[in-house]
Amino acid sequence: MKSRIKRLLKLASVIVFPAVALATSLPARALTPADQKEVQNFTLTDDFLKRFEAAAAEGGARAEENDPKKATAMLSSIDAMSASIAKTPASKAALDRHGLTPRQAALGAIVLMRVQMTDEMLADPKQAKYVDKAKIPSAENMAFYHAHKAEIVKAFQRGKDD
């Protein structure tokens, strides 16, 4: 399980860092109402994580795939994020082999980041008042996160240490 999450994060590095920026962006870079709805309707599942993990097992992001200019371009919308991922050959090929689209990967990454951030903010009374109620992940996604929280938190910490 530990290596599963670590491999997941390697692939997600192409997707997650821009997703964090999207999830926490200033109003000028906020997701469109349609994007918000799509994020709210995305449901995390074991199947999604399994396929995402399998794609990650094939390798991580190459340095050129983490170009800050690309990340900035991805921040405008889920469409832009998906298009950027689709133009990254290694990531696109790995996702294709495991039955995920760039859009599914982008949405899943955003949702994973949102559930983690929401959980952390709600746990701190000083931060809880800043949680945007319109962007709180679904109860199903929060439950999924709580069921996998220990592994996800450890993996994110290891990802920062690597």
N, C-alpha and C. Protein backbone atom coordinates (compact mmCIF):
# COMPACT_ATOMS: atom_id res chain seq x y z
N MET A 1 0.83 -1.19 0.00
CA MET A 1 0.00 0.00 0.00
C MET A 1 0.87 1.26 0.00
N LYS A 2 1.96 1.26 0.79
CA LYS A 2 2.82 2.43 0.86
C LYS A 2 3.42 2.76 -0.50
N SER A 3 3.94 1.73 -1.18
CA SER A 3 4.55 1.98 -2.48
C SER A 3 3.48 2.35 -3.50
N ARG A 4 2.27 1.85 -3.33
CA ARG A 4 1.17 2.18 -4.24
C ARG A 4 0.91 3.68 -4.22
N ILE A 5 0.79 4.23 -3.05
CA ILE A 5 0.51 5.66 -2.93
C ILE A 5 1.70 6.47 -3.42
N LYS A 6 2.91 6.02 -3.12
CA LYS A 6 4.09 6.75 -3.56
C LYS A 6 4.16 6.80 -5.09
N ARG A 7 3.88 5.66 -5.73
CA ARG A 7 3.87 5.64 -7.20
C ARG A 7 2.76 6.54 -7.74
N LEU A 8 1.63 6.53 -7.08
CA LEU A 8 0.51 7.38 -7.46
C LEU A 8 0.94 8.84 -7.46
N LEU A 9 1.68 9.22 -6.45
CA LEU A 9 2.10 10.62 -6.33
C LEU A 9 3.12 11.00 -7.39
N LYS A 10 3.94 10.04 -7.84
CA LYS A 10 4.90 10.37 -8.88
C LYS A 10 4.18 10.81 -10.16
N LEU A 11 3.18 10.05 -10.58
CA LEU A 11 2.41 10.44 -11.75
C LEU A 11 1.63 11.71 -11.45
N ALA A 12 1.08 11.77 -10.26
CA ALA A 12 0.25 12.90 -9.89
C ALA A 12 1.03 14.20 -9.85
N SER A 13 2.36 14.13 -9.75
CA SER A 13 3.13 15.37 -9.68
C SER A 13 2.91 16.24 -10.91
N VAL A 14 2.62 15.62 -12.04
CA VAL A 14 2.31 16.39 -13.24
C VAL A 14 0.94 17.05 -13.10
N ILE A 15 0.07 16.39 -12.35
CA ILE A 15 -1.31 16.81 -12.25
C ILE A 15 -1.60 17.51 -10.93
N VAL A 16 -1.05 17.01 -9.84
CA VAL A 16 -1.44 17.49 -8.52
C VAL A 16 -0.97 18.90 -8.25
N PHE A 17 0.25 19.26 -8.58
CA PHE A 17 0.71 20.59 -8.25
C PHE A 17 -0.14 21.66 -8.93
N PRO A 18 -0.44 21.51 -10.21
CA PRO A 18 -1.40 22.46 -10.79
C PRO A 18 -2.79 22.34 -10.16
N ALA A 19 -3.18 21.14 -9.76
CA ALA A 19 -4.49 20.96 -9.12
C ALA A 19 -4.55 21.69 -7.80
N VAL A 20 -3.46 21.66 -7.04
CA VAL A 20 -3.43 22.40 -5.78
C VAL A 20 -3.64 23.87 -6.06
N ALA A 21 -2.96 24.36 -7.07
CA ALA A 21 -3.12 25.77 -7.41
C ALA A 21 -4.55 26.06 -7.83
N LEU A 22 -5.15 25.16 -8.60
CA LEU A 22 -6.55 25.33 -8.98
C LEU A 22 -7.47 25.29 -7.77
N ALA A 23 -7.22 24.35 -6.88
CA ALA A 23 -8.10 24.17 -5.72
C ALA A 23 -8.00 25.33 -4.75
N THR A 24 -6.86 26.01 -4.74
CA THR A 24 -6.65 27.09 -3.77
C THR A 24 -6.45 28.44 -4.45
N SER A 25 -6.77 28.52 -5.72
CA SER A 25 -6.45 29.71 -6.50
C SER A 25 -7.26 30.93 -6.09
N LEU A 26 -6.74 32.07 -6.47
CA LEU A 26 -7.45 33.33 -6.27
C LEU A 26 -8.67 33.37 -7.16
N PRO A 27 -9.66 34.23 -6.84
CA PRO A 27 -10.88 34.28 -7.65
C PRO A 27 -10.63 34.47 -9.14
N ALA A 28 -9.58 35.20 -9.49
CA ALA A 28 -9.30 35.43 -10.91
C ALA A 28 -8.98 34.13 -11.64
N ARG A 29 -8.56 33.14 -10.90
CA ARG A 29 -8.22 31.86 -11.52
C ARG A 29 -9.13 30.75 -11.04
N ALA A 30 -10.27 31.10 -10.53
CA ALA A 30 -11.20 30.10 -10.01
C ALA A 30 -11.75 29.25 -11.15
N LEU A 31 -12.11 28.04 -10.80
CA LEU A 31 -12.75 27.17 -11.78
C LEU A 31 -14.08 27.77 -12.19
N THR A 32 -14.47 27.49 -13.40
CA THR A 32 -15.77 27.96 -13.88
C THR A 32 -16.87 27.22 -13.12
N PRO A 33 -18.09 27.74 -13.14
CA PRO A 33 -19.19 27.01 -12.49
C PRO A 33 -19.34 25.58 -13.04
N ALA A 34 -19.15 25.41 -14.34
CA ALA A 34 -19.24 24.07 -14.93
C ALA A 34 -18.13 23.17 -14.39
N ASP A 35 -16.91 23.72 -14.28
CA ASP A 35 -15.80 22.95 -13.72
C ASP A 35 -16.08 22.58 -12.26
N GLN A 36 -16.59 23.54 -11.49
CA GLN A 36 -16.92 23.28 -10.09
C GLN A 36 -17.92 22.13 -9.97
N LYS A 37 -18.92 22.16 -10.83
CA LYS A 37 -19.94 21.11 -10.81
C LYS A 37 -19.32 19.75 -11.13
N GLU A 38 -18.44 19.74 -12.12
CA GLU A 38 -17.78 18.49 -12.51
C GLU A 38 -16.91 17.95 -11.37
N VAL A 39 -16.20 18.84 -10.68
CA VAL A 39 -15.39 18.42 -9.54
C VAL A 39 -16.29 17.86 -8.44
N GLN A 40 -17.40 18.54 -8.16
CA GLN A 40 -18.32 18.09 -7.12
C GLN A 40 -18.95 16.73 -7.47
N ASN A 41 -19.13 16.46 -8.75
CA ASN A 41 -19.77 15.21 -9.17
C ASN A 41 -18.79 14.04 -9.33
N PHE A 42 -17.49 14.31 -9.29
CA PHE A 42 -16.49 13.25 -9.43
C PHE A 42 -16.43 12.46 -8.13
N THR A 43 -16.50 11.13 -8.23
CA THR A 43 -16.47 10.29 -7.04
C THR A 43 -15.19 9.46 -7.02
N LEU A 44 -14.43 9.59 -5.96
CA LEU A 44 -13.23 8.78 -5.77
C LEU A 44 -13.64 7.34 -5.49
N THR A 45 -12.95 6.40 -6.12
CA THR A 45 -13.23 4.98 -5.92
C THR A 45 -11.92 4.21 -5.83
N ASP A 46 -12.01 3.00 -5.31
CA ASP A 46 -10.84 2.13 -5.30
C ASP A 46 -10.39 1.84 -6.73
N ASP A 47 -11.35 1.67 -7.65
CA ASP A 47 -11.02 1.40 -9.05
C ASP A 47 -10.23 2.56 -9.65
N PHE A 48 -10.68 3.78 -9.41
CA PHE A 48 -9.96 4.95 -9.92
C PHE A 48 -8.53 4.94 -9.39
N LEU A 49 -8.38 4.79 -8.06
CA LEU A 49 -7.04 4.82 -7.48
C LEU A 49 -6.17 3.68 -8.01
N LYS A 50 -6.77 2.52 -8.21
CA LYS A 50 -6.02 1.37 -8.73
C LYS A 50 -5.49 1.68 -10.13
N ARG A 51 -6.34 2.21 -10.99
CA ARG A 51 -5.90 2.52 -12.36
C ARG A 51 -4.90 3.67 -12.38
N PHE A 52 -5.15 4.67 -11.56
CA PHE A 52 -4.25 5.82 -11.46
C PHE A 52 -2.89 5.35 -10.94
N GLU A 53 -2.92 4.47 -9.96
CA GLU A 53 -1.70 3.91 -9.39
C GLU A 53 -0.94 3.09 -10.43
N ALA A 54 -1.66 2.31 -11.22
CA ALA A 54 -1.01 1.50 -12.25
C ALA A 54 -0.30 2.38 -13.27
N ALA A 55 -0.92 3.48 -13.63
CA ALA A 55 -0.28 4.41 -14.55
C ALA A 55 0.97 5.00 -13.90
N ALA A 56 0.87 5.32 -12.62
CA ALA A 56 2.01 5.89 -11.90
C ALA A 56 3.16 4.90 -11.79
N ALA A 57 2.84 3.62 -11.70
CA ALA A 57 3.87 2.59 -11.56
C ALA A 57 4.78 2.52 -12.78
N GLU A 58 4.30 3.00 -13.90
CA GLU A 58 5.09 2.98 -15.13
C GLU A 58 6.16 4.05 -15.15
N GLY A 59 6.11 4.93 -14.21
CA GLY A 59 7.11 5.98 -14.16
C GLY A 59 6.49 7.28 -13.71
N GLY A 60 7.33 8.16 -13.31
CA GLY A 60 6.86 9.45 -12.82
C GLY A 60 7.02 10.52 -13.87
N ALA A 61 6.78 11.70 -13.44
CA ALA A 61 6.92 12.86 -14.31
C ALA A 61 8.40 13.10 -14.58
N ARG A 62 8.71 13.46 -15.80
CA ARG A 62 10.06 13.88 -16.12
C ARG A 62 10.20 15.35 -15.76
N ALA A 63 11.40 15.80 -15.56
CA ALA A 63 11.63 17.19 -15.14
C ALA A 63 10.96 18.19 -16.07
N GLU A 64 11.05 17.94 -17.37
CA GLU A 64 10.45 18.89 -18.31
C GLU A 64 8.93 18.92 -18.22
N GLU A 65 8.34 17.86 -17.64
CA GLU A 65 6.89 17.83 -17.50
C GLU A 65 6.42 18.65 -16.29
N ASN A 66 7.35 19.08 -15.45
CA ASN A 66 7.00 19.89 -14.29
C ASN A 66 7.37 21.36 -14.52
N ASP A 67 7.48 21.76 -15.75
CA ASP A 67 7.81 23.12 -16.11
C ASP A 67 6.79 24.10 -15.52
N PRO A 68 7.23 25.09 -14.74
CA PRO A 68 6.29 26.06 -14.14
C PRO A 68 5.44 26.79 -15.18
N LYS A 69 5.98 27.02 -16.37
CA LYS A 69 5.19 27.69 -17.41
C LYS A 69 4.00 26.82 -17.82
N LYS A 70 4.23 25.50 -17.91
CA LYS A 70 3.13 24.59 -18.22
C LYS A 70 2.12 24.58 -17.10
N ALA A 71 2.59 24.55 -15.86
CA ALA A 71 1.69 24.54 -14.71
C ALA A 71 0.81 25.78 -14.70
N THR A 72 1.39 26.94 -14.98
CA THR A 72 0.62 28.18 -15.01
C THR A 72 -0.44 28.13 -16.10
N ALA A 73 -0.09 27.60 -17.25
CA ALA A 73 -1.06 27.50 -18.35
C ALA A 73 -2.21 26.58 -18.00
N MET A 74 -1.94 25.60 -17.16
CA MET A 74 -2.97 24.62 -16.80
C MET A 74 -3.99 25.19 -15.82
N LEU A 75 -3.72 26.33 -15.22
CA LEU A 75 -4.56 26.82 -14.14
C LEU A 75 -5.87 27.44 -14.57
N SER A 76 -6.07 27.68 -15.83
CA SER A 76 -7.26 28.41 -16.25
C SER A 76 -8.55 27.61 -16.20
N SER A 77 -8.47 26.30 -16.39
CA SER A 77 -9.68 25.48 -16.38
C SER A 77 -9.30 24.00 -16.40
N ILE A 78 -10.29 23.17 -16.16
CA ILE A 78 -10.05 21.73 -16.26
C ILE A 78 -9.75 21.36 -17.71
N ASP A 79 -10.40 22.04 -18.65
CA ASP A 79 -10.11 21.79 -20.07
C ASP A 79 -8.64 22.05 -20.37
N ALA A 80 -8.11 23.18 -19.87
CA ALA A 80 -6.71 23.53 -20.11
C ALA A 80 -5.78 22.52 -19.44
N MET A 81 -6.14 22.12 -18.24
CA MET A 81 -5.34 21.14 -17.51
C MET A 81 -5.32 19.81 -18.26
N SER A 82 -6.49 19.37 -18.70
CA SER A 82 -6.60 18.10 -19.44
C SER A 82 -5.82 18.16 -20.75
N ALA A 83 -5.93 19.28 -21.45
CA ALA A 83 -5.21 19.43 -22.72
C ALA A 83 -3.70 19.40 -22.50
N SER A 84 -3.24 20.03 -21.44
CA SER A 84 -1.82 20.03 -21.15
C SER A 84 -1.32 18.62 -20.82
N ILE A 85 -2.10 17.88 -20.05
CA ILE A 85 -1.73 16.50 -19.72
C ILE A 85 -1.71 15.66 -20.99
N ALA A 86 -2.69 15.86 -21.86
CA ALA A 86 -2.78 15.10 -23.11
C ALA A 86 -1.58 15.35 -24.01
N LYS A 87 -0.94 16.52 -23.86
CA LYS A 87 0.23 16.86 -24.67
C LYS A 87 1.53 16.35 -24.06
N THR A 88 1.44 15.72 -22.89
CA THR A 88 2.62 15.18 -22.21
C THR A 88 2.69 13.70 -22.54
N PRO A 89 3.53 13.31 -23.50
CA PRO A 89 3.50 11.94 -24.01
C PRO A 89 3.58 10.83 -22.97
N ALA A 90 4.50 10.91 -22.04
CA ALA A 90 4.65 9.81 -21.06
C ALA A 90 3.42 9.68 -20.18
N SER A 91 2.91 10.79 -19.70
CA SER A 91 1.72 10.75 -18.84
C SER A 91 0.51 10.27 -19.61
N LYS A 92 0.31 10.80 -20.80
CA LYS A 92 -0.84 10.43 -21.62
C LYS A 92 -0.82 8.95 -21.95
N ALA A 93 0.34 8.44 -22.34
CA ALA A 93 0.45 7.02 -22.69
C ALA A 93 0.16 6.13 -21.48
N ALA A 94 0.69 6.49 -20.33
CA ALA A 94 0.45 5.69 -19.12
C ALA A 94 -1.02 5.70 -18.75
N LEU A 95 -1.64 6.86 -18.82
CA LEU A 95 -3.07 6.94 -18.51
C LEU A 95 -3.89 6.11 -19.50
N ASP A 96 -3.56 6.22 -20.79
CA ASP A 96 -4.27 5.45 -21.82
C ASP A 96 -4.21 3.95 -21.56
N ARG A 97 -3.01 3.47 -21.23
CA ARG A 97 -2.84 2.03 -21.00
C ARG A 97 -3.69 1.52 -19.83
N HIS A 98 -4.06 2.41 -18.94
CA HIS A 98 -4.82 1.98 -17.76
C HIS A 98 -6.24 2.51 -17.74
N GLY A 99 -6.69 2.94 -18.91
CA GLY A 99 -8.09 3.29 -19.06
C GLY A 99 -8.53 4.57 -18.39
N LEU A 100 -7.62 5.52 -18.25
CA LEU A 100 -7.97 6.82 -17.70
C LEU A 100 -7.74 7.89 -18.75
N THR A 101 -8.61 8.86 -18.76
CA THR A 101 -8.41 10.01 -19.63
C THR A 101 -7.66 11.08 -18.85
N PRO A 102 -7.01 11.99 -19.56
CA PRO A 102 -6.38 13.11 -18.85
C PRO A 102 -7.38 13.88 -17.98
N ARG A 103 -8.61 13.99 -18.45
CA ARG A 103 -9.64 14.70 -17.69
C ARG A 103 -9.95 13.98 -16.38
N GLN A 104 -10.09 12.65 -16.43
CA GLN A 104 -10.33 11.88 -15.21
C GLN A 104 -9.18 12.04 -14.23
N ALA A 105 -7.96 11.99 -14.75
CA ALA A 105 -6.79 12.14 -13.89
C ALA A 105 -6.76 13.53 -13.26
N ALA A 106 -7.05 14.56 -14.05
CA ALA A 106 -7.06 15.93 -13.52
C ALA A 106 -8.15 16.09 -12.46
N LEU A 107 -9.34 15.62 -12.77
CA LEU A 107 -10.44 15.73 -11.80
C LEU A 107 -10.13 14.96 -10.52
N GLY A 108 -9.63 13.74 -10.67
CA GLY A 108 -9.30 12.95 -9.49
C GLY A 108 -8.24 13.62 -8.63
N ALA A 109 -7.24 14.19 -9.27
CA ALA A 109 -6.18 14.89 -8.53
C ALA A 109 -6.74 16.09 -7.79
N ILE A 110 -7.60 16.86 -8.45
CA ILE A 110 -8.21 18.02 -7.80
C ILE A 110 -9.04 17.57 -6.60
N VAL A 111 -9.83 16.53 -6.79
CA VAL A 111 -10.69 16.05 -5.69
C VAL A 111 -9.83 15.54 -4.54
N LEU A 112 -8.78 14.78 -4.83
CA LEU A 112 -7.90 14.31 -3.76
C LEU A 112 -7.30 15.47 -2.97
N MET A 113 -6.87 16.48 -3.68
CA MET A 113 -6.29 17.64 -2.99
C MET A 113 -7.35 18.37 -2.17
N ARG A 114 -8.53 18.51 -2.73
CA ARG A 114 -9.60 19.21 -2.00
C ARG A 114 -10.02 18.48 -0.74
N VAL A 115 -10.14 17.16 -0.82
CA VAL A 115 -10.57 16.44 0.38
C VAL A 115 -9.51 16.55 1.47
N GLN A 116 -8.25 16.46 1.08
CA GLN A 116 -7.19 16.58 2.07
C GLN A 116 -7.16 17.98 2.67
N MET A 117 -7.23 18.99 1.84
CA MET A 117 -7.21 20.37 2.33
C MET A 117 -8.43 20.67 3.19
N THR A 118 -9.59 20.22 2.77
CA THR A 118 -10.82 20.46 3.53
C THR A 118 -10.74 19.79 4.89
N ASP A 119 -10.28 18.55 4.91
CA ASP A 119 -10.16 17.82 6.17
C ASP A 119 -9.22 18.56 7.13
N GLU A 120 -8.08 19.00 6.62
CA GLU A 120 -7.12 19.72 7.46
C GLU A 120 -7.69 21.04 7.97
N MET A 121 -8.37 21.76 7.10
CA MET A 121 -8.93 23.06 7.52
C MET A 121 -10.07 22.89 8.52
N LEU A 122 -10.93 21.92 8.30
CA LEU A 122 -12.06 21.71 9.21
C LEU A 122 -11.59 21.24 10.59
N ALA A 123 -10.43 20.60 10.64
CA ALA A 123 -9.90 20.12 11.91
C ALA A 123 -9.33 21.25 12.77
N ASP A 124 -9.09 22.40 12.16
CA ASP A 124 -8.53 23.56 12.87
C ASP A 124 -9.59 24.65 12.97
N PRO A 125 -10.11 24.91 14.17
CA PRO A 125 -11.17 25.91 14.32
C PRO A 125 -10.81 27.28 13.74
N LYS A 126 -9.54 27.64 13.77
CA LYS A 126 -9.12 28.93 13.22
C LYS A 126 -9.23 28.94 11.69
N GLN A 127 -9.01 27.78 11.08
CA GLN A 127 -9.06 27.67 9.62
C GLN A 127 -10.46 27.32 9.11
N ALA A 128 -11.25 26.65 9.92
CA ALA A 128 -12.56 26.15 9.49
C ALA A 128 -13.45 27.25 8.94
N LYS A 129 -13.34 28.44 9.49
CA LYS A 129 -14.19 29.54 9.02
C LYS A 129 -13.86 29.98 7.60
N TYR A 130 -12.70 29.58 7.11
CA TYR A 130 -12.29 29.98 5.76
C TYR A 130 -12.67 28.95 4.69
N VAL A 131 -13.21 27.83 5.09
CA VAL A 131 -13.60 26.80 4.12
C VAL A 131 -14.79 27.31 3.31
N ASP A 132 -14.64 27.29 2.00
CA ASP A 132 -15.72 27.71 1.11
C ASP A 132 -16.75 26.59 1.07
N LYS A 133 -17.90 26.84 1.67
CA LYS A 133 -18.94 25.81 1.79
C LYS A 133 -19.38 25.27 0.42
N ALA A 134 -19.30 26.10 -0.61
CA ALA A 134 -19.69 25.67 -1.95
C ALA A 134 -18.69 24.69 -2.56
N LYS A 135 -17.48 24.63 -1.98
CA LYS A 135 -16.44 23.77 -2.55
C LYS A 135 -16.11 22.57 -1.66
N ILE A 136 -16.88 22.37 -0.60
CA ILE A 136 -16.64 21.21 0.25
C ILE A 136 -16.92 19.96 -0.57
N PRO A 137 -15.97 19.02 -0.59
CA PRO A 137 -16.19 17.79 -1.35
C PRO A 137 -17.40 17.01 -0.83
N SER A 138 -17.91 16.15 -1.68
CA SER A 138 -19.09 15.35 -1.32
C SER A 138 -18.80 14.49 -0.10
N ALA A 139 -19.87 14.11 0.58
CA ALA A 139 -19.75 13.24 1.75
C ALA A 139 -19.07 11.92 1.37
N GLU A 140 -19.37 11.41 0.17
CA GLU A 140 -18.76 10.16 -0.29
C GLU A 140 -17.25 10.31 -0.44
N ASN A 141 -16.82 11.42 -1.02
CA ASN A 141 -15.38 11.64 -1.21
C ASN A 141 -14.68 11.88 0.12
N MET A 142 -15.34 12.58 1.03
CA MET A 142 -14.74 12.78 2.35
C MET A 142 -14.62 11.44 3.07
N ALA A 143 -15.63 10.59 2.95
CA ALA A 143 -15.58 9.26 3.59
C ALA A 143 -14.46 8.42 2.97
N PHE A 144 -14.33 8.48 1.65
CA PHE A 144 -13.26 7.75 0.98
C PHE A 144 -11.90 8.23 1.48
N TYR A 145 -11.74 9.53 1.57
CA TYR A 145 -10.49 10.09 2.07
C TYR A 145 -10.21 9.60 3.50
N HIS A 146 -11.22 9.68 4.36
CA HIS A 146 -11.02 9.25 5.74
C HIS A 146 -10.64 7.77 5.81
N ALA A 147 -11.20 6.96 4.94
CA ALA A 147 -10.88 5.53 4.92
C ALA A 147 -9.43 5.28 4.49
N HIS A 148 -8.86 6.19 3.70
CA HIS A 148 -7.50 6.04 3.17
C HIS A 148 -6.55 7.11 3.72
N LYS A 149 -7.01 7.86 4.69
CA LYS A 149 -6.27 9.04 5.16
C LYS A 149 -4.84 8.74 5.60
N ALA A 150 -4.65 7.75 6.42
CA ALA A 150 -3.31 7.47 6.94
C ALA A 150 -2.31 7.24 5.81
N GLU A 151 -2.70 6.43 4.83
CA GLU A 151 -1.79 6.15 3.72
C GLU A 151 -1.55 7.40 2.86
N ILE A 152 -2.60 8.16 2.61
CA ILE A 152 -2.48 9.34 1.76
C ILE A 152 -1.61 10.39 2.43
N VAL A 153 -1.84 10.64 3.71
CA VAL A 153 -1.04 11.64 4.43
C VAL A 153 0.43 11.23 4.45
N LYS A 154 0.71 9.96 4.74
CA LYS A 154 2.09 9.48 4.75
C LYS A 154 2.73 9.63 3.37
N ALA A 155 1.98 9.29 2.35
CA ALA A 155 2.51 9.36 0.99
C ALA A 155 2.82 10.79 0.59
N PHE A 156 1.94 11.72 0.92
CA PHE A 156 2.20 13.11 0.60
C PHE A 156 3.43 13.61 1.35
N GLN A 157 3.59 13.19 2.58
CA GLN A 157 4.76 13.59 3.36
C GLN A 157 6.03 13.02 2.74
N ARG A 158 5.99 11.73 2.35
CA ARG A 158 7.16 11.12 1.71
C ARG A 158 7.45 11.79 0.39
N GLY A 159 6.40 12.15 -0.35
CA GLY A 159 6.59 12.81 -1.63
C GLY A 159 7.33 14.13 -1.48
N LYS A 160 7.09 14.84 -0.37
CA LYS A 160 7.79 16.10 -0.10
C LYS A 160 9.24 15.85 0.27
N ASP A 161 9.50 14.70 0.91
CA ASP A 161 10.84 14.37 1.39
C ASP A 161 11.74 13.82 0.29
N ASP A 162 11.15 13.30 -0.79
CA ASP A 162 11.94 12.67 -1.86
C ASP A 162 12.66 13.69 -2.71
